[in-house]
Amino acid sequence: MGRKSRFASKALQFAYDRYIGEDEEKADAFEAELANADVARKLYDLRAQANLTQGELAKLVGTSASVISRLEDADYEGHSLAMLRRVAKALNKRVEIRFVPMREATLPPA
């Protein structure tokens, strides 16, 4: 029996194996990018669920729309816990942090 795929798509698994493979440095960079994209997507989704524009959320947080835009950018690497807490509070949420093994970080929830 073959190894279990990390991805639902065979194409994504192929691309990962081909371009990252066993290279630990590339795997770490990949995981970091996934984490940044996940934070950005969650912030966007929370704002959209609250039916707020970036400008409206910025006013609630006490910052500018450009800061909210950066936070929602998957390429942004400067997410601070303090800012995430401010955004969460403005949306009547709280930040929750989990530590999971790296190999499980990219698997979809069961």
PDB file of N, CA and C in Angstrom:
ATOM      1  N   MET A   1       0.843  -1.183   0.000  1.00  0.00           N
ATOM      2  CA  MET A   1       0.000   0.000   0.000  1.00  0.00           C
ATOM      3  C   MET A   1       0.882   1.239   0.000  1.00  0.00           C
ATOM      4  N   GLY A   2       0.587   2.236  -0.831  1.00  0.00           N
ATOM      5  CA  GLY A   2       1.384   3.455  -0.958  1.00  0.00           C
ATOM      6  C   GLY A   2       1.205   4.373   0.231  1.00  0.00           C
ATOM      7  N   ARG A   3       2.071   5.360   0.295  1.00  0.00           N
ATOM      8  CA  ARG A   3       1.975   6.300   1.410  1.00  0.00           C
ATOM      9  C   ARG A   3       0.735   7.180   1.248  1.00  0.00           C
ATOM     10  N   LYS A   4       0.257   7.680   2.364  1.00  0.00           N
ATOM     11  CA  LYS A   4      -0.916   8.542   2.355  1.00  0.00           C
ATOM     12  C   LYS A   4      -0.529   9.920   1.836  1.00  0.00           C
ATOM     13  N   SER A   5      -1.328  10.453   0.947  1.00  0.00           N
ATOM     14  CA  SER A   5      -1.073  11.759   0.363  1.00  0.00           C
ATOM     15  C   SER A   5      -1.405  12.864   1.362  1.00  0.00           C
ATOM     16  N   ARG A   6      -0.628  13.942   1.333  1.00  0.00           N
ATOM     17  CA  ARG A   6      -0.907  15.108   2.177  1.00  0.00           C
ATOM     18  C   ARG A   6      -2.015  15.953   1.585  1.00  0.00           C
ATOM     19  N   PHE A   7      -2.299  15.770   0.313  1.00  0.00           N
ATOM     20  CA  PHE A   7      -3.223  16.637  -0.407  1.00  0.00           C
ATOM     21  C   PHE A   7      -4.380  15.836  -0.980  1.00  0.00           C
ATOM     22  N   ALA A   8      -5.525  16.483  -1.099  1.00  0.00           N
ATOM     23  CA  ALA A   8      -6.695  15.839  -1.693  1.00  0.00           C
ATOM     24  C   ALA A   8      -6.502  15.643  -3.191  1.00  0.00           C
ATOM     25  N   SER A   9      -5.706  16.488  -3.803  1.00  0.00           N
ATOM     26  CA  SER A   9      -5.471  16.444  -5.245  1.00  0.00           C
ATOM     27  C   SER A   9      -4.154  15.736  -5.553  1.00  0.00           C
ATOM     28  N   LYS A  10      -4.195  14.795  -6.486  1.00  0.00           N
ATOM     29  CA  LYS A  10      -2.960  14.123  -6.914  1.00  0.00           C
ATOM     30  C   LYS A  10      -2.013  15.112  -7.575  1.00  0.00           C
ATOM     31  N   ALA A  11      -2.568  16.108  -8.267  1.00  0.00           N
ATOM     32  CA  ALA A  11      -1.736  17.115  -8.928  1.00  0.00           C
ATOM     33  C   ALA A  11      -0.960  17.940  -7.907  1.00  0.00           C
ATOM     34  N   LEU A  12      -1.628  18.320  -6.808  1.00  0.00           N
ATOM     35  CA  LEU A  12      -0.933  19.084  -5.762  1.00  0.00           C
ATOM     36  C   LEU A  12       0.151  18.235  -5.108  1.00  0.00           C
ATOM     37  N   GLN A  13      -0.143  16.961  -4.881  1.00  0.00           N
ATOM     38  CA  GLN A  13       0.850  16.067  -4.288  1.00  0.00           C
ATOM     39  C   GLN A  13       2.041  15.920  -5.222  1.00  0.00           C
ATOM     40  N   PHE A  14       1.781  15.785  -6.527  1.00  0.00           N
ATOM     41  CA  PHE A  14       2.854  15.679  -7.512  1.00  0.00           C
ATOM     42  C   PHE A  14       3.726  16.931  -7.496  1.00  0.00           C
ATOM     43  N   ALA A  15       3.091  18.095  -7.503  1.00  0.00           N
ATOM     44  CA  ALA A  15       3.834  19.359  -7.502  1.00  0.00           C
ATOM     45  C   ALA A  15       4.679  19.483  -6.228  1.00  0.00           C
ATOM     46  N   TYR A  16       4.097  19.123  -5.094  1.00  0.00           N
ATOM     47  CA  TYR A  16       4.844  19.185  -3.830  1.00  0.00           C
ATOM     48  C   TYR A  16       6.045  18.254  -3.888  1.00  0.00           C
ATOM     49  N   ASP A  17       5.811  17.021  -4.309  1.00  0.00           N
ATOM     50  CA  ASP A  17       6.901  16.048  -4.390  1.00  0.00           C
ATOM     51  C   ASP A  17       7.999  16.508  -5.346  1.00  0.00           C
ATOM     52  N   ARG A  18       7.601  17.104  -6.464  1.00  0.00           N
ATOM     53  CA  ARG A  18       8.566  17.516  -7.483  1.00  0.00           C
ATOM     54  C   ARG A  18       9.372  18.738  -7.062  1.00  0.00           C
ATOM     55  N   TYR A  19       8.703  19.740  -6.510  1.00  0.00           N
ATOM     56  CA  TYR A  19       9.389  21.000  -6.228  1.00  0.00           C
ATOM     57  C   TYR A  19       9.884  21.152  -4.790  1.00  0.00           C
ATOM     58  N   ILE A  20       9.343  20.379  -3.883  1.00  0.00           N
ATOM     59  CA  ILE A  20       9.768  20.469  -2.487  1.00  0.00           C
ATOM     60  C   ILE A  20      10.422  19.170  -2.044  1.00  0.00           C
ATOM     61  N   GLY A  21       9.728  18.064  -2.302  1.00  0.00           N
ATOM     62  CA  GLY A  21      10.291  16.755  -1.986  1.00  0.00           C
ATOM     63  C   GLY A  21      10.766  16.646  -0.556  1.00  0.00           C
ATOM     64  N   GLU A  22      12.009  16.241  -0.387  1.00  0.00           N
ATOM     65  CA  GLU A  22      12.586  16.044   0.948  1.00  0.00           C
ATOM     66  C   GLU A  22      13.441  17.230   1.401  1.00  0.00           C
ATOM     67  N   ASP A  23      13.412  18.326   0.652  1.00  0.00           N
ATOM     68  CA  ASP A  23      14.208  19.506   0.993  1.00  0.00           C
ATOM     69  C   ASP A  23      13.566  20.218   2.181  1.00  0.00           C
ATOM     70  N   GLU A  24      14.206  20.107   3.330  1.00  0.00           N
ATOM     71  CA  GLU A  24      13.646  20.651   4.563  1.00  0.00           C
ATOM     72  C   GLU A  24      13.479  22.173   4.523  1.00  0.00           C
ATOM     73  N   GLU A  25      14.413  22.867   3.905  1.00  0.00           N
ATOM     74  CA  GLU A  25      14.323  24.328   3.820  1.00  0.00           C
ATOM     75  C   GLU A  25      13.114  24.743   2.976  1.00  0.00           C
ATOM     76  N   LYS A  26      12.903  24.063   1.858  1.00  0.00           N
ATOM     77  CA  LYS A  26      11.742  24.357   1.016  1.00  0.00           C
ATOM     78  C   LYS A  26      10.452  23.984   1.728  1.00  0.00           C
ATOM     79  N   ALA A  27      10.461  22.866   2.455  1.00  0.00           N
ATOM     80  CA  ALA A  27       9.266  22.440   3.191  1.00  0.00           C
ATOM     81  C   ALA A  27       8.911  23.467   4.269  1.00  0.00           C
ATOM     82  N   ASP A  28       9.916  23.997   4.957  1.00  0.00           N
ATOM     83  CA  ASP A  28       9.673  25.018   5.984  1.00  0.00           C
ATOM     84  C   ASP A  28       9.090  26.282   5.361  1.00  0.00           C
ATOM     85  N   ALA A  29       9.637  26.686   4.208  1.00  0.00           N
ATOM     86  CA  ALA A  29       9.121  27.875   3.525  1.00  0.00           C
ATOM     87  C   ALA A  29       7.686  27.649   3.070  1.00  0.00           C
ATOM     88  N   PHE A  30       7.405  26.453   2.583  1.00  0.00           N
ATOM     89  CA  PHE A  30       6.051  26.099   2.148  1.00  0.00           C
ATOM     90  C   PHE A  30       5.074  26.185   3.317  1.00  0.00           C
ATOM     91  N   GLU A  31       5.459  25.632   4.461  1.00  0.00           N
ATOM     92  CA  GLU A  31       4.606  25.656   5.651  1.00  0.00           C
ATOM     93  C   GLU A  31       4.356  27.091   6.108  1.00  0.00           C
ATOM     94  N   ALA A  32       5.383  27.930   6.050  1.00  0.00           N
ATOM     95  CA  ALA A  32       5.232  29.332   6.449  1.00  0.00           C
ATOM     96  C   ALA A  32       4.262  30.050   5.522  1.00  0.00           C
ATOM     97  N   GLU A  33       4.363  29.792   4.232  1.00  0.00           N
ATOM     98  CA  GLU A  33       3.450  30.419   3.268  1.00  0.00           C
ATOM     99  C   GLU A  33       2.019  29.949   3.489  1.00  0.00           C
ATOM    100  N   LEU A  34       1.847  28.659   3.782  1.00  0.00           N
ATOM    101  CA  LEU A  34       0.502  28.152   4.077  1.00  0.00           C
ATOM    102  C   LEU A  34      -0.079  28.832   5.310  1.00  0.00           C
ATOM    103  N   ALA A  35       0.754  29.027   6.328  1.00  0.00           N
ATOM    104  CA  ALA A  35       0.280  29.675   7.550  1.00  0.00           C
ATOM    105  C   ALA A  35      -0.126  31.120   7.267  1.00  0.00           C
ATOM    106  N   ASN A  36       0.681  31.842   6.488  1.00  0.00           N
ATOM    107  CA  ASN A  36       0.344  33.226   6.148  1.00  0.00           C
ATOM    108  C   ASN A  36      -0.966  33.291   5.364  1.00  0.00           C
ATOM    109  N   ALA A  37      -1.115  32.398   4.410  1.00  0.00           N
ATOM    110  CA  ALA A  37      -2.338  32.372   3.596  1.00  0.00           C
ATOM    111  C   ALA A  37      -3.549  32.010   4.451  1.00  0.00           C
ATOM    112  N   ASP A  38      -3.358  31.115   5.414  1.00  0.00           N
ATOM    113  CA  ASP A  38      -4.458  30.705   6.287  1.00  0.00           C
ATOM    114  C   ASP A  38      -4.922  31.873   7.162  1.00  0.00           C
ATOM    115  N   VAL A  39      -3.987  32.604   7.732  1.00  0.00           N
ATOM    116  CA  VAL A  39      -4.341  33.762   8.563  1.00  0.00           C
ATOM    117  C   VAL A  39      -5.065  34.807   7.718  1.00  0.00           C
ATOM    118  N   ALA A  40      -4.524  35.088   6.543  1.00  0.00           N
ATOM    119  CA  ALA A  40      -5.138  36.083   5.657  1.00  0.00           C
ATOM    120  C   ALA A  40      -6.567  35.680   5.288  1.00  0.00           C
ATOM    121  N   ARG A  41      -6.765  34.423   4.932  1.00  0.00           N
ATOM    122  CA  ARG A  41      -8.092  33.940   4.540  1.00  0.00           C
ATOM    123  C   ARG A  41      -9.066  34.014   5.712  1.00  0.00           C
ATOM    124  N   LYS A  42      -8.606  33.646   6.895  1.00  0.00           N
ATOM    125  CA  LYS A  42      -9.486  33.700   8.070  1.00  0.00           C
ATOM    126  C   LYS A  42      -9.902  35.137   8.386  1.00  0.00           C
ATOM    127  N   LEU A  43      -8.961  36.068   8.288  1.00  0.00           N
ATOM    128  CA  LEU A  43      -9.297  37.470   8.548  1.00  0.00           C
ATOM    129  C   LEU A  43     -10.298  37.981   7.517  1.00  0.00           C
ATOM    130  N   TYR A  44     -10.061  37.666   6.254  1.00  0.00           N
ATOM    131  CA  TYR A  44     -10.996  38.084   5.201  1.00  0.00           C
ATOM    132  C   TYR A  44     -12.386  37.494   5.456  1.00  0.00           C
ATOM    133  N   ASP A  45     -12.427  36.195   5.748  1.00  0.00           N
ATOM    134  CA  ASP A  45     -13.717  35.530   5.981  1.00  0.00           C
ATOM    135  C   ASP A  45     -14.463  36.143   7.163  1.00  0.00           C
ATOM    136  N   LEU A  46     -13.760  36.424   8.246  1.00  0.00           N
ATOM    137  CA  LEU A  46     -14.402  37.031   9.422  1.00  0.00           C
ATOM    138  C   LEU A  46     -14.963  38.412   9.088  1.00  0.00           C
ATOM    139  N   ARG A  47     -14.178  39.203   8.349  1.00  0.00           N
ATOM    140  CA  ARG A  47     -14.640  40.535   7.965  1.00  0.00           C
ATOM    141  C   ARG A  47     -15.856  40.434   7.045  1.00  0.00           C
ATOM    142  N   ALA A  48     -15.805  39.522   6.097  1.00  0.00           N
ATOM    143  CA  ALA A  48     -16.920  39.349   5.155  1.00  0.00           C
ATOM    144  C   ALA A  48     -18.180  38.860   5.881  1.00  0.00           C
ATOM    145  N   GLN A  49     -18.014  37.948   6.830  1.00  0.00           N
ATOM    146  CA  GLN A  49     -19.161  37.452   7.609  1.00  0.00           C
ATOM    147  C   GLN A  49     -19.792  38.570   8.426  1.00  0.00           C
ATOM    148  N   ALA A  50     -18.974  39.508   8.863  1.00  0.00           N
ATOM    149  CA  ALA A  50     -19.477  40.660   9.623  1.00  0.00           C
ATOM    150  C   ALA A  50     -20.051  41.727   8.698  1.00  0.00           C
ATOM    151  N   ASN A  51     -19.945  41.484   7.392  1.00  0.00           N
ATOM    152  CA  ASN A  51     -20.482  42.408   6.386  1.00  0.00           C
ATOM    153  C   ASN A  51     -19.854  43.796   6.505  1.00  0.00           C
ATOM    154  N   LEU A  52     -18.530  43.803   6.697  1.00  0.00           N
ATOM    155  CA  LEU A  52     -17.789  45.060   6.837  1.00  0.00           C
ATOM    156  C   LEU A  52     -16.825  45.241   5.675  1.00  0.00           C
ATOM    157  N   THR A  53     -16.612  46.483   5.282  1.00  0.00           N
ATOM    158  CA  THR A  53     -15.547  46.786   4.335  1.00  0.00           C
ATOM    159  C   THR A  53     -14.234  46.850   5.111  1.00  0.00           C
ATOM    160  N   GLN A  54     -13.133  46.884   4.376  1.00  0.00           N
ATOM    161  CA  GLN A  54     -11.844  47.036   5.051  1.00  0.00           C
ATOM    162  C   GLN A  54     -11.790  48.354   5.811  1.00  0.00           C
ATOM    163  N   GLY A  55     -12.353  49.397   5.246  1.00  0.00           N
ATOM    164  CA  GLY A  55     -12.369  50.697   5.913  1.00  0.00           C
ATOM    165  C   GLY A  55     -13.185  50.682   7.189  1.00  0.00           C
ATOM    166  N   GLU A  56     -14.337  50.023   7.143  1.00  0.00           N
ATOM    167  CA  GLU A  56     -15.194  49.946   8.335  1.00  0.00           C
ATOM    168  C   GLU A  56     -14.510  49.155   9.445  1.00  0.00           C
ATOM    169  N   LEU A  57     -13.882  48.041   9.086  1.00  0.00           N
ATOM    170  CA  LEU A  57     -13.166  47.258  10.092  1.00  0.00           C
ATOM    171  C   LEU A  57     -11.992  48.061  10.640  1.00  0.00           C
ATOM    172  N   ALA A  58     -11.314  48.771   9.776  1.00  0.00           N
ATOM    173  CA  ALA A  58     -10.176  49.588  10.213  1.00  0.00           C
ATOM    174  C   ALA A  58     -10.607  50.598  11.271  1.00  0.00           C
ATOM    175  N   LYS A  59     -11.750  51.243  11.067  1.00  0.00           N
ATOM    176  CA  LYS A  59     -12.249  52.207  12.060  1.00  0.00           C
ATOM    177  C   LYS A  59     -12.521  51.538  13.395  1.00  0.00           C
ATOM    178  N   LEU A  60     -13.105  50.331  13.359  1.00  0.00           N
ATOM    179  CA  LEU A  60     -13.381  49.603  14.596  1.00  0.00           C
ATOM    180  C   LEU A  60     -12.096  49.207  15.319  1.00  0.00           C
ATOM    181  N   VAL A  61     -11.067  48.875  14.547  1.00  0.00           N
ATOM    182  CA  VAL A  61      -9.791  48.435  15.111  1.00  0.00           C
ATOM    183  C   VAL A  61      -8.946  49.624  15.546  1.00  0.00           C
ATOM    184  N   GLY A  62      -9.161  50.786  14.906  1.00  0.00           N
ATOM    185  CA  GLY A  62      -8.352  51.958  15.201  1.00  0.00           C
ATOM    186  C   GLY A  62      -7.098  51.994  14.353  1.00  0.00           C
ATOM    187  N   THR A  63      -7.233  51.604  13.106  1.00  0.00           N
ATOM    188  CA  THR A  63      -6.104  51.590  12.177  1.00  0.00           C
ATOM    189  C   THR A  63      -6.587  52.065  10.811  1.00  0.00           C
ATOM    190  N   SER A  64      -5.798  51.855   9.792  1.00  0.00           N
ATOM    191  CA  SER A  64      -6.186  52.284   8.444  1.00  0.00           C
ATOM    192  C   SER A  64      -6.624  51.090   7.595  1.00  0.00           C
ATOM    193  N   ALA A  65      -7.348  51.391   6.537  1.00  0.00           N
ATOM    194  CA  ALA A  65      -7.798  50.336   5.616  1.00  0.00           C
ATOM    195  C   ALA A  65      -6.610  49.635   4.978  1.00  0.00           C
ATOM    196  N   SER A  66      -5.516  50.344   4.766  1.00  0.00           N
ATOM    197  CA  SER A  66      -4.343  49.713   4.156  1.00  0.00           C
ATOM    198  C   SER A  66      -3.738  48.650   5.075  1.00  0.00           C
ATOM    199  N   VAL A  67      -3.828  48.857   6.381  1.00  0.00           N
ATOM    200  CA  VAL A  67      -3.339  47.844   7.324  1.00  0.00           C
ATOM    201  C   VAL A  67      -4.215  46.600   7.234  1.00  0.00           C
ATOM    202  N   ILE A  68      -5.518  46.776   7.176  1.00  0.00           N
ATOM    203  CA  ILE A  68      -6.428  45.637   7.050  1.00  0.00           C
ATOM    204  C   ILE A  68      -6.160  44.921   5.725  1.00  0.00           C
ATOM    205  N   SER A  69      -5.946  45.673   4.671  1.00  0.00           N
ATOM    206  CA  SER A  69      -5.632  45.085   3.368  1.00  0.00           C
ATOM    207  C   SER A  69      -4.368  44.230   3.443  1.00  0.00           C
ATOM    208  N   ARG A  70      -3.340  44.740   4.100  1.00  0.00           N
ATOM    209  CA  ARG A  70      -2.096  43.965   4.262  1.00  0.00           C
ATOM    210  C   ARG A  70      -2.339  42.696   5.055  1.00  0.00           C
ATOM    211  N   LEU A  71      -3.126  42.792   6.119  1.00  0.00           N
ATOM    212  CA  LEU A  71      -3.402  41.611   6.942  1.00  0.00           C
ATOM    213  C   LEU A  71      -4.125  40.527   6.144  1.00  0.00           C
ATOM    214  N   GLU A  72      -4.920  40.953   5.171  1.00  0.00           N
ATOM    215  CA  GLU A  72      -5.678  40.001   4.344  1.00  0.00           C
ATOM    216  C   GLU A  72      -4.895  39.535   3.123  1.00  0.00           C
ATOM    217  N   ASP A  73      -3.661  39.978   2.987  1.00  0.00           N
ATOM    218  CA  ASP A  73      -2.809  39.590   1.863  1.00  0.00           C
ATOM    219  C   ASP A  73      -2.054  38.310   2.232  1.00  0.00           C
ATOM    220  N   ALA A  74      -2.207  37.265   1.422  1.00  0.00           N
ATOM    221  CA  ALA A  74      -1.566  35.979   1.702  1.00  0.00           C
ATOM    222  C   ALA A  74      -0.037  36.075   1.726  1.00  0.00           C
ATOM    223  N   ASP A  75       0.529  37.090   1.077  1.00  0.00           N
ATOM    224  CA  ASP A  75       1.983  37.251   1.044  1.00  0.00           C
ATOM    225  C   ASP A  75       2.530  38.027   2.239  1.00  0.00           C
ATOM    226  N   TYR A  76       1.641  38.571   3.072  1.00  0.00           N
ATOM    227  CA  TYR A  76       2.083  39.376   4.216  1.00  0.00           C
ATOM    228  C   TYR A  76       2.623  38.467   5.314  1.00  0.00           C
ATOM    229  N   GLU A  77       3.793  38.810   5.835  1.00  0.00           N
ATOM    230  CA  GLU A  77       4.446  37.977   6.848  1.00  0.00           C
ATOM    231  C   GLU A  77       4.526  38.647   8.218  1.00  0.00           C
ATOM    232  N   GLY A  78       3.870  39.798   8.389  1.00  0.00           N
ATOM    233  CA  GLY A  78       4.038  40.553   9.621  1.00  0.00           C
ATOM    234  C   GLY A  78       2.870  40.488  10.593  1.00  0.00           C
ATOM    235  N   HIS A  79       2.115  39.395  10.575  1.00  0.00           N
ATOM    236  CA  HIS A  79       0.982  39.291  11.500  1.00  0.00           C
ATOM    237  C   HIS A  79       1.486  39.285  12.937  1.00  0.00           C
ATOM    238  N   SER A  80       1.038  40.259  13.713  1.00  0.00           N
ATOM    239  CA  SER A  80       1.410  40.274  15.123  1.00  0.00           C
ATOM    240  C   SER A  80       0.215  39.818  15.949  1.00  0.00           C
ATOM    241  N   LEU A  81       0.514  39.176  17.048  1.00  0.00           N
ATOM    242  CA  LEU A  81      -0.550  38.695  17.925  1.00  0.00           C
ATOM    243  C   LEU A  81      -1.368  39.871  18.457  1.00  0.00           C
ATOM    244  N   ALA A  82      -0.710  40.974  18.753  1.00  0.00           N
ATOM    245  CA  ALA A  82      -1.424  42.146  19.263  1.00  0.00           C
ATOM    246  C   ALA A  82      -2.440  42.657  18.239  1.00  0.00           C
ATOM    247  N   MET A  83      -2.044  42.746  16.968  1.00  0.00           N
ATOM    248  CA  MET A  83      -2.974  43.229  15.942  1.00  0.00           C
ATOM    249  C   MET A  83      -4.090  42.215  15.715  1.00  0.00           C
ATOM    250  N   LEU A  84      -3.775  40.934  15.705  1.00  0.00           N
ATOM    251  CA  LEU A  84      -4.816  39.915  15.533  1.00  0.00           C
ATOM    252  C   LEU A  84      -5.838  39.995  16.672  1.00  0.00           C
ATOM    253  N   ARG A  85      -5.359  40.272  17.874  1.00  0.00           N
ATOM    254  CA  ARG A  85      -6.278  40.433  19.008  1.00  0.00           C
ATOM    255  C   ARG A  85      -7.165  41.660  18.841  1.00  0.00           C
ATOM    256  N   ARG A  86      -6.603  42.742  18.339  1.00  0.00           N
ATOM    257  CA  ARG A  86      -7.398  43.956  18.108  1.00  0.00           C
ATOM    258  C   ARG A  86      -8.491  43.700  17.072  1.00  0.00           C
ATOM    259  N   VAL A  87      -8.137  43.016  15.996  1.00  0.00           N
ATOM    260  CA  VAL A  87      -9.120  42.689  14.961  1.00  0.00           C
ATOM    261  C   VAL A  87     -10.181  41.763  15.542  1.00  0.00           C
ATOM    262  N   ALA A  88      -9.751  40.746  16.271  1.00  0.00           N
ATOM    263  CA  ALA A  88     -10.693  39.804  16.869  1.00  0.00           C
ATOM    264  C   ALA A  88     -11.664  40.524  17.803  1.00  0.00           C
ATOM    265  N   LYS A  89     -11.154  41.401  18.638  1.00  0.00           N
ATOM    266  CA  LYS A  89     -12.010  42.138  19.572  1.00  0.00           C
ATOM    267  C   LYS A  89     -13.037  42.981  18.816  1.00  0.00           C
ATOM    268  N   ALA A  90     -12.607  43.635  17.736  1.00  0.00           N
ATOM    269  CA  ALA A  90     -13.519  44.462  16.941  1.00  0.00           C
ATOM    270  C   ALA A  90     -14.635  43.617  16.322  1.00  0.00           C
ATOM    271  N   LEU A  91     -14.353  42.328  16.099  1.00  0.00           N
ATOM    272  CA  LEU A  91     -15.338  41.418  15.498  1.00  0.00           C
ATOM    273  C   LEU A  91     -16.015  40.532  16.546  1.00  0.00           C
ATOM    274  N   ASN A  92     -15.825  40.890  17.826  1.00  0.00           N
ATOM    275  CA  ASN A  92     -16.397  40.129  18.931  1.00  0.00           C
ATOM    276  C   ASN A  92     -15.956  38.662  18.901  1.00  0.00           C
ATOM    277  N   LYS A  93     -14.678  38.474  18.662  1.00  0.00           N
ATOM    278  CA  LYS A  93     -14.059  37.142  18.615  1.00  0.00           C
ATOM    279  C   LYS A  93     -12.850  37.155  19.530  1.00  0.00           C
ATOM    280  N   ARG A  94     -12.233  35.999  19.670  1.00  0.00           N
ATOM    281  CA  ARG A  94     -10.962  35.917  20.380  1.00  0.00           C
ATOM    282  C   ARG A  94     -10.000  35.089  19.550  1.00  0.00           C
ATOM    283  N   VAL A  95      -8.732  35.327  19.710  1.00  0.00           N
ATOM    284  CA  VAL A  95      -7.698  34.589  18.996  1.00  0.00           C
ATOM    285  C   VAL A  95      -7.400  33.321  19.774  1.00  0.00           C
ATOM    286  N   GLU A  96      -7.314  32.230  19.059  1.00  0.00           N
ATOM    287  CA  GLU A  96      -6.950  30.945  19.669  1.00  0.00           C
ATOM    288  C   GLU A  96      -5.756  30.397  18.901  1.00  0.00           C
ATOM    289  N   ILE A  97      -4.735  29.972  19.612  1.00  0.00           N
ATOM    290  CA  ILE A  97      -3.519  29.472  18.980  1.00  0.00           C
ATOM    291  C   ILE A  97      -3.356  27.993  19.325  1.00  0.00           C
ATOM    292  N   ARG A  98      -3.021  27.206  18.286  1.00  0.00           N
ATOM    293  CA  ARG A  98      -2.763  25.783  18.490  1.00  0.00           C
ATOM    294  C   ARG A  98      -1.392  25.451  17.932  1.00  0.00           C
ATOM    295  N   PHE A  99      -0.729  24.511  18.529  1.00  0.00           N
ATOM    296  CA  PHE A  99       0.529  23.990  18.021  1.00  0.00           C
ATOM    297  C   PHE A  99       0.277  22.549  17.590  1.00  0.00           C
ATOM    298  N   VAL A 100       0.529  22.284  16.310  1.00  0.00           N
ATOM    299  CA  VAL A 100       0.300  20.940  15.767  1.00  0.00           C
ATOM    300  C   VAL A 100       1.566  20.472  15.064  1.00  0.00           C
ATOM    301  N   PRO A 101       1.762  19.157  14.963  1.00  0.00           N
ATOM    302  CA  PRO A 101       2.929  18.662  14.227  1.00  0.00           C
ATOM    303  C   PRO A 101       2.917  19.190  12.795  1.00  0.00           C
ATOM    304  N   MET A 102       4.083  19.491  12.243  1.00  0.00           N
ATOM    305  CA  MET A 102       4.196  20.091  10.918  1.00  0.00           C
ATOM    306  C   MET A 102       3.510  19.271   9.839  1.00  0.00           C
ATOM    307  N   ARG A 103       3.642  17.994   9.828  1.00  0.00           N
ATOM    308  CA  ARG A 103       3.051  17.164   8.774  1.00  0.00           C
ATOM    309  C   ARG A 103       1.537  17.212   8.806  1.00  0.00           C
ATOM    310  N   GLU A 104       0.950  17.473   9.959  1.00  0.00           N
ATOM    311  CA  GLU A 104      -0.500  17.553  10.057  1.00  0.00           C
ATOM    312  C   GLU A 104      -1.005  18.947   9.709  1.00  0.00           C
ATOM    313  N   ALA A 105      -0.136  19.925   9.663  1.00  0.00           N
ATOM    314  CA  ALA A 105      -0.549  21.304   9.459  1.00  0.00           C
ATOM    315  C   ALA A 105      -1.233  21.519   8.111  1.00  0.00           C
ATOM    316  N   THR A 106      -0.880  20.733   7.102  1.00  0.00           N
ATOM    317  CA  THR A 106      -1.454  20.931   5.784  1.00  0.00           C
ATOM    318  C   THR A 106      -2.578  19.945   5.467  1.00  0.00           C
ATOM    319  N   LEU A 107      -2.833  19.011   6.369  1.00  0.00           N
ATOM    320  CA  LEU A 107      -3.924  18.080   6.141  1.00  0.00           C
ATOM    321  C   LEU A 107      -5.258  18.734   6.462  1.00  0.00           C
ATOM    322  N   PRO A 108      -6.264  18.490   5.651  1.00  0.00           N
ATOM    323  CA  PRO A 108      -7.584  19.056   5.969  1.00  0.00           C
ATOM    324  C   PRO A 108      -8.141  18.401   7.220  1.00  0.00           C
ATOM    325  N   PRO A 109      -8.967  19.132   7.988  1.00  0.00           N
ATOM    326  CA  PRO A 109      -9.552  18.557   9.213  1.00  0.00           C
ATOM    327  C   PRO A 109     -10.399  17.346   8.871  1.00  0.00           C
ATOM    328  N   ALA A 110     -10.392  16.379   9.750  1.00  0.00           N
ATOM    329  CA  ALA A 110     -11.145  15.139   9.533  1.00  0.00           C
ATOM    330  C   ALA A 110     -12.630  15.347   9.800  1.00  0.00           C
TER     331      ALA A 110
END
